[in-house]
Amino acid sequence: MKKFFILVVVILAFFTVDHPLVKEPRERLLGDGIGLLSSTTKLDRFPVATMTRNKVNQQLALSRSEQDYVAKTFTTDESVKLFELRYCRQGDLNLYFYEERLLTVCRIIKESLAQARIK
């Protein structure tokens, strides 16, 4: 019981003392712990958008402006569905993708949406 009490006092002192010898290791330890926890609990909140962006970047040779457009356009799953509705189903003109490249993007979106429904 005495050892446990000493351990509790040492831990309390570690978290309450602001001496530079104690403060720096404590902040480093807490920073590492929080960094570890945040990296392990990251969730992909927009899996369709992420999958679509990655596949478009892999399968098409994109210019810098096209890469920026893909990054801006496919930010959320809802924006991917909106793109698919507007350009793939309704056939609106897109300034960046047209003809064969637009068909490729539409195919990628369709595959990504189908994979998301399966999961």
N, C-alpha and C. Protein backbone atom coordinates (compact mmCIF):
# COMPACT_ATOMS: atom_id res chain seq x y z
N MET A 1 0.82 -1.18 0.00
CA MET A 1 0.00 0.00 0.00
C MET A 1 0.87 1.26 0.00
N LYS A 2 1.99 1.18 0.72
CA LYS A 2 2.89 2.31 0.81
C LYS A 2 3.51 2.61 -0.56
N LYS A 3 3.86 1.57 -1.32
CA LYS A 3 4.44 1.74 -2.65
C LYS A 3 3.42 2.37 -3.61
N PHE A 4 2.18 1.95 -3.49
CA PHE A 4 1.12 2.51 -4.33
C PHE A 4 0.94 4.00 -4.04
N PHE A 5 0.95 4.36 -2.76
CA PHE A 5 0.80 5.76 -2.37
C PHE A 5 1.94 6.60 -2.92
N ILE A 6 3.16 6.09 -2.86
CA ILE A 6 4.33 6.80 -3.40
C ILE A 6 4.18 6.96 -4.92
N LEU A 7 3.71 5.92 -5.58
CA LEU A 7 3.50 6.00 -7.03
C LEU A 7 2.48 7.07 -7.38
N VAL A 8 1.39 7.15 -6.65
CA VAL A 8 0.36 8.16 -6.89
C VAL A 8 0.93 9.55 -6.67
N VAL A 9 1.71 9.75 -5.63
CA VAL A 9 2.32 11.05 -5.36
C VAL A 9 3.28 11.43 -6.48
N VAL A 10 4.07 10.50 -6.97
CA VAL A 10 5.02 10.78 -8.06
C VAL A 10 4.27 11.14 -9.34
N ILE A 11 3.21 10.45 -9.63
CA ILE A 11 2.42 10.74 -10.83
C ILE A 11 1.77 12.11 -10.71
N LEU A 12 1.20 12.42 -9.58
CA LEU A 12 0.60 13.75 -9.37
C LEU A 12 1.65 14.85 -9.49
N ALA A 13 2.83 14.61 -8.94
CA ALA A 13 3.90 15.60 -9.05
C ALA A 13 4.32 15.77 -10.51
N PHE A 14 4.35 14.68 -11.24
CA PHE A 14 4.74 14.73 -12.65
C PHE A 14 3.78 15.62 -13.45
N PHE A 15 2.49 15.56 -13.14
CA PHE A 15 1.51 16.33 -13.89
C PHE A 15 1.27 17.74 -13.35
N THR A 16 1.77 18.05 -12.16
CA THR A 16 1.49 19.37 -11.59
C THR A 16 2.71 20.28 -11.49
N VAL A 17 3.91 19.75 -11.48
CA VAL A 17 5.11 20.57 -11.32
C VAL A 17 5.46 21.21 -12.66
N ASP A 18 5.79 22.51 -12.63
CA ASP A 18 6.13 23.23 -13.86
C ASP A 18 7.63 23.48 -13.99
N HIS A 19 8.43 22.72 -13.32
CA HIS A 19 9.88 22.86 -13.44
C HIS A 19 10.30 22.39 -14.83
N PRO A 20 11.26 23.09 -15.46
CA PRO A 20 11.66 22.72 -16.84
C PRO A 20 12.12 21.27 -16.99
N LEU A 21 12.74 20.70 -15.96
CA LEU A 21 13.17 19.31 -16.05
C LEU A 21 12.00 18.34 -16.12
N VAL A 22 10.87 18.72 -15.58
CA VAL A 22 9.69 17.86 -15.58
C VAL A 22 8.74 18.25 -16.70
N LYS A 23 8.64 19.55 -16.96
CA LYS A 23 7.66 20.06 -17.91
C LYS A 23 7.94 19.56 -19.34
N GLU A 24 9.19 19.63 -19.79
CA GLU A 24 9.52 19.24 -21.16
C GLU A 24 9.23 17.76 -21.45
N PRO A 25 9.69 16.83 -20.61
CA PRO A 25 9.36 15.42 -20.89
C PRO A 25 7.86 15.15 -20.81
N ARG A 26 7.17 15.83 -19.88
CA ARG A 26 5.73 15.64 -19.76
C ARG A 26 5.02 16.08 -21.04
N GLU A 27 5.36 17.25 -21.56
CA GLU A 27 4.72 17.74 -22.78
C GLU A 27 5.04 16.84 -23.97
N ARG A 28 6.27 16.38 -24.03
CA ARG A 28 6.65 15.47 -25.12
C ARG A 28 5.88 14.16 -25.03
N LEU A 29 5.77 13.61 -23.81
CA LEU A 29 5.05 12.36 -23.60
C LEU A 29 3.57 12.52 -23.94
N LEU A 30 2.96 13.60 -23.48
CA LEU A 30 1.55 13.83 -23.78
C LEU A 30 1.33 14.08 -25.27
N GLY A 31 2.25 14.82 -25.89
CA GLY A 31 2.14 15.08 -27.33
C GLY A 31 2.23 13.79 -28.14
N ASP A 32 3.18 12.93 -27.77
CA ASP A 32 3.31 11.64 -28.47
C ASP A 32 2.07 10.78 -28.27
N GLY A 33 1.55 10.76 -27.04
CA GLY A 33 0.36 9.96 -26.75
C GLY A 33 -0.85 10.46 -27.51
N ILE A 34 -1.04 11.76 -27.56
CA ILE A 34 -2.18 12.32 -28.30
C ILE A 34 -2.01 12.10 -29.79
N GLY A 35 -0.78 12.24 -30.29
CA GLY A 35 -0.53 11.99 -31.71
C GLY A 35 -0.80 10.55 -32.09
N LEU A 36 -0.42 9.63 -31.23
CA LEU A 36 -0.67 8.21 -31.48
C LEU A 36 -2.16 7.92 -31.49
N LEU A 37 -2.86 8.46 -30.51
CA LEU A 37 -4.31 8.23 -30.45
C LEU A 37 -5.04 8.83 -31.64
N SER A 38 -4.65 10.03 -32.05
CA SER A 38 -5.36 10.66 -33.17
C SER A 38 -5.06 9.96 -34.49
N SER A 39 -3.85 9.44 -34.66
CA SER A 39 -3.53 8.76 -35.92
C SER A 39 -4.21 7.40 -36.01
N THR A 40 -4.44 6.74 -34.88
CA THR A 40 -5.08 5.43 -34.93
C THR A 40 -6.60 5.52 -35.02
N THR A 41 -7.17 6.66 -34.70
CA THR A 41 -8.62 6.78 -34.72
C THR A 41 -9.12 7.61 -35.90
N LYS A 42 -8.25 7.91 -36.86
CA LYS A 42 -8.70 8.68 -38.02
C LYS A 42 -9.67 7.83 -38.83
N LEU A 43 -10.78 8.45 -39.15
CA LEU A 43 -11.79 7.78 -39.96
C LEU A 43 -11.86 8.45 -41.32
N ASP A 44 -12.09 7.66 -42.32
CA ASP A 44 -12.30 8.21 -43.65
C ASP A 44 -13.79 8.51 -43.78
N ARG A 45 -14.13 9.78 -43.61
CA ARG A 45 -15.54 10.14 -43.59
C ARG A 45 -16.14 10.19 -44.99
N PHE A 46 -15.29 10.25 -46.01
CA PHE A 46 -15.78 10.32 -47.38
C PHE A 46 -15.08 9.25 -48.23
N PRO A 47 -15.43 7.98 -48.04
CA PRO A 47 -14.71 6.91 -48.73
C PRO A 47 -14.88 6.93 -50.25
N VAL A 48 -16.06 7.29 -50.72
CA VAL A 48 -16.29 7.32 -52.18
C VAL A 48 -15.45 8.42 -52.81
N ALA A 49 -15.42 9.58 -52.19
CA ALA A 49 -14.64 10.69 -52.74
C ALA A 49 -13.15 10.37 -52.75
N THR A 50 -12.67 9.78 -51.67
CA THR A 50 -11.25 9.41 -51.60
C THR A 50 -10.90 8.37 -52.65
N MET A 51 -11.74 7.35 -52.76
CA MET A 51 -11.51 6.29 -53.74
C MET A 51 -11.54 6.86 -55.16
N THR A 52 -12.51 7.72 -55.44
CA THR A 52 -12.64 8.30 -56.77
C THR A 52 -11.43 9.16 -57.11
N ARG A 53 -11.03 10.02 -56.18
CA ARG A 53 -9.85 10.88 -56.41
C ARG A 53 -8.62 10.04 -56.71
N ASN A 54 -8.39 9.01 -55.90
CA ASN A 54 -7.20 8.18 -56.09
C ASN A 54 -7.22 7.46 -57.43
N LYS A 55 -8.36 6.90 -57.79
CA LYS A 55 -8.44 6.16 -59.05
C LYS A 55 -8.31 7.08 -60.26
N VAL A 56 -8.91 8.26 -60.20
CA VAL A 56 -8.79 9.21 -61.32
C VAL A 56 -7.34 9.64 -61.48
N ASN A 57 -6.68 9.92 -60.37
CA ASN A 57 -5.27 10.32 -60.45
C ASN A 57 -4.38 9.20 -60.96
N GLN A 58 -4.73 7.94 -60.66
CA GLN A 58 -3.93 6.81 -61.12
C GLN A 58 -4.17 6.49 -62.59
N GLN A 59 -5.43 6.53 -63.02
CA GLN A 59 -5.77 6.03 -64.35
C GLN A 59 -5.66 7.07 -65.45
N LEU A 60 -5.68 8.34 -65.11
CA LEU A 60 -5.59 9.39 -66.12
C LEU A 60 -4.33 10.22 -65.90
N ALA A 61 -3.69 10.61 -66.99
CA ALA A 61 -2.57 11.53 -66.89
C ALA A 61 -3.16 12.94 -66.84
N LEU A 62 -3.09 13.56 -65.67
CA LEU A 62 -3.76 14.83 -65.46
C LEU A 62 -2.77 15.99 -65.46
N SER A 63 -3.20 17.11 -66.03
CA SER A 63 -2.41 18.34 -65.93
C SER A 63 -2.59 18.89 -64.52
N ARG A 64 -1.82 19.92 -64.21
CA ARG A 64 -1.89 20.52 -62.87
C ARG A 64 -3.28 21.10 -62.60
N SER A 65 -3.86 21.76 -63.59
CA SER A 65 -5.20 22.34 -63.40
C SER A 65 -6.26 21.25 -63.24
N GLU A 66 -6.10 20.14 -63.95
CA GLU A 66 -7.03 19.03 -63.79
C GLU A 66 -6.90 18.38 -62.42
N GLN A 67 -5.68 18.27 -61.92
CA GLN A 67 -5.47 17.73 -60.57
C GLN A 67 -6.13 18.63 -59.53
N ASP A 68 -5.99 19.93 -59.69
CA ASP A 68 -6.64 20.87 -58.76
C ASP A 68 -8.16 20.75 -58.85
N TYR A 69 -8.68 20.59 -60.06
CA TYR A 69 -10.12 20.45 -60.24
C TYR A 69 -10.63 19.18 -59.58
N VAL A 70 -9.91 18.08 -59.74
CA VAL A 70 -10.31 16.81 -59.12
C VAL A 70 -10.27 16.95 -57.60
N ALA A 71 -9.24 17.58 -57.07
CA ALA A 71 -9.13 17.75 -55.62
C ALA A 71 -10.27 18.62 -55.08
N LYS A 72 -10.66 19.67 -55.82
CA LYS A 72 -11.75 20.55 -55.37
C LYS A 72 -13.11 19.90 -55.55
N THR A 73 -13.29 19.17 -56.65
CA THR A 73 -14.61 18.64 -56.99
C THR A 73 -14.97 17.42 -56.17
N PHE A 74 -14.04 16.52 -55.97
CA PHE A 74 -14.34 15.27 -55.28
C PHE A 74 -13.91 15.36 -53.81
N THR A 75 -14.50 16.29 -53.08
CA THR A 75 -14.16 16.47 -51.67
C THR A 75 -15.06 15.65 -50.75
N THR A 76 -16.32 15.49 -51.11
CA THR A 76 -17.26 14.72 -50.29
C THR A 76 -17.96 13.69 -51.16
N ASP A 77 -18.58 12.72 -50.52
CA ASP A 77 -19.33 11.71 -51.27
C ASP A 77 -20.50 12.37 -52.00
N GLU A 78 -21.09 13.37 -51.38
CA GLU A 78 -22.21 14.08 -52.01
C GLU A 78 -21.76 14.81 -53.27
N SER A 79 -20.57 15.39 -53.26
CA SER A 79 -20.08 16.09 -54.44
C SER A 79 -19.79 15.10 -55.58
N VAL A 80 -19.36 13.89 -55.24
CA VAL A 80 -19.13 12.86 -56.26
C VAL A 80 -20.46 12.46 -56.89
N LYS A 81 -21.49 12.28 -56.07
CA LYS A 81 -22.82 11.92 -56.59
C LYS A 81 -23.38 13.05 -57.45
N LEU A 82 -23.15 14.29 -57.05
CA LEU A 82 -23.62 15.43 -57.83
C LEU A 82 -22.90 15.49 -59.19
N PHE A 83 -21.60 15.25 -59.19
CA PHE A 83 -20.84 15.21 -60.44
C PHE A 83 -21.38 14.12 -61.35
N GLU A 84 -21.62 12.96 -60.77
CA GLU A 84 -22.12 11.83 -61.55
C GLU A 84 -23.49 12.15 -62.15
N LEU A 85 -24.36 12.77 -61.38
CA LEU A 85 -25.68 13.13 -61.88
C LEU A 85 -25.58 14.17 -62.99
N ARG A 86 -24.80 15.19 -62.75
CA ARG A 86 -24.75 16.32 -63.69
C ARG A 86 -24.02 15.97 -64.99
N TYR A 87 -22.85 15.36 -64.89
CA TYR A 87 -22.02 15.16 -66.08
C TYR A 87 -22.17 13.78 -66.70
N CYS A 88 -22.46 12.77 -65.90
CA CYS A 88 -22.55 11.42 -66.45
C CYS A 88 -23.97 11.09 -66.91
N ARG A 89 -24.94 11.41 -66.08
CA ARG A 89 -26.33 11.08 -66.45
C ARG A 89 -26.99 12.14 -67.32
N GLN A 90 -26.86 13.40 -66.90
CA GLN A 90 -27.54 14.47 -67.64
C GLN A 90 -26.75 14.96 -68.84
N GLY A 91 -25.47 14.66 -68.90
CA GLY A 91 -24.66 14.99 -70.07
C GLY A 91 -24.27 16.45 -70.18
N ASP A 92 -24.20 17.17 -69.06
CA ASP A 92 -23.73 18.56 -69.12
C ASP A 92 -22.28 18.60 -69.58
N LEU A 93 -21.88 19.75 -70.11
CA LEU A 93 -20.50 19.91 -70.56
C LEU A 93 -19.60 20.21 -69.37
N ASN A 94 -18.47 19.57 -69.36
CA ASN A 94 -17.47 19.79 -68.32
C ASN A 94 -16.26 20.42 -68.99
N LEU A 95 -15.71 21.45 -68.37
CA LEU A 95 -14.58 22.16 -68.98
C LEU A 95 -13.27 21.39 -68.90
N TYR A 96 -13.18 20.44 -68.00
CA TYR A 96 -11.92 19.71 -67.80
C TYR A 96 -11.92 18.32 -68.43
N PHE A 97 -13.04 17.64 -68.36
CA PHE A 97 -13.12 16.28 -68.89
C PHE A 97 -14.22 16.23 -69.94
N TYR A 98 -13.91 15.62 -71.05
CA TYR A 98 -14.90 15.47 -72.12
C TYR A 98 -14.56 14.23 -72.92
N GLU A 99 -15.54 13.75 -73.67
CA GLU A 99 -15.45 12.56 -74.50
C GLU A 99 -14.92 11.35 -73.72
N GLU A 100 -13.82 10.80 -74.16
CA GLU A 100 -13.30 9.55 -73.59
C GLU A 100 -12.86 9.72 -72.13
N ARG A 101 -12.27 10.84 -71.83
CA ARG A 101 -11.81 11.08 -70.45
C ARG A 101 -12.99 11.21 -69.49
N LEU A 102 -14.06 11.85 -69.94
CA LEU A 102 -15.26 11.96 -69.10
C LEU A 102 -15.89 10.59 -68.90
N LEU A 103 -15.91 9.77 -69.94
CA LEU A 103 -16.44 8.41 -69.79
C LEU A 103 -15.61 7.60 -68.79
N THR A 104 -14.30 7.80 -68.81
CA THR A 104 -13.43 7.11 -67.85
C THR A 104 -13.73 7.56 -66.43
N VAL A 105 -13.88 8.87 -66.23
CA VAL A 105 -14.19 9.39 -64.90
C VAL A 105 -15.55 8.87 -64.45
N CYS A 106 -16.53 8.84 -65.34
CA CYS A 106 -17.86 8.34 -64.99
C CYS A 106 -17.81 6.85 -64.61
N ARG A 107 -17.00 6.09 -65.33
CA ARG A 107 -16.85 4.67 -65.01
C ARG A 107 -16.22 4.49 -63.63
N ILE A 108 -15.21 5.30 -63.33
CA ILE A 108 -14.54 5.25 -62.03
C ILE A 108 -15.52 5.60 -60.92
N ILE A 109 -16.34 6.61 -61.14
CA ILE A 109 -17.33 7.01 -60.13
C ILE A 109 -18.33 5.90 -59.92
N LYS A 110 -18.79 5.29 -61.00
CA LYS A 110 -19.76 4.20 -60.89
C LYS A 110 -19.18 3.04 -60.09
N GLU A 111 -17.90 2.70 -60.35
CA GLU A 111 -17.25 1.61 -59.61
C GLU A 111 -17.10 1.96 -58.13
N SER A 112 -16.72 3.20 -57.86
CA SER A 112 -16.55 3.63 -56.47
C SER A 112 -17.87 3.61 -55.71
N LEU A 113 -18.93 4.08 -56.35
CA LEU A 113 -20.25 4.05 -55.70
C LEU A 113 -20.72 2.62 -55.46
N ALA A 114 -20.44 1.73 -56.43
CA ALA A 114 -20.84 0.32 -56.26
C ALA A 114 -20.06 -0.32 -55.12
N GLN A 115 -18.77 -0.04 -55.00
CA GLN A 115 -17.97 -0.60 -53.92
C GLN A 115 -18.43 -0.07 -52.56
N ALA A 116 -18.84 1.18 -52.52
CA ALA A 116 -19.31 1.75 -51.26
C ALA A 116 -20.63 1.13 -50.84
N ARG A 117 -21.48 0.79 -51.79
CA ARG A 117 -22.76 0.15 -51.46
C ARG A 117 -22.55 -1.26 -50.92
N ILE A 118 -21.53 -1.96 -51.43
CA ILE A 118 -21.25 -3.33 -50.99
C ILE A 118 -20.76 -3.32 -49.56
N LYS A 119 -19.94 -2.35 -49.18
CA LYS A 119 -19.40 -2.30 -47.82
C LYS A 119 -20.47 -1.94 -46.90
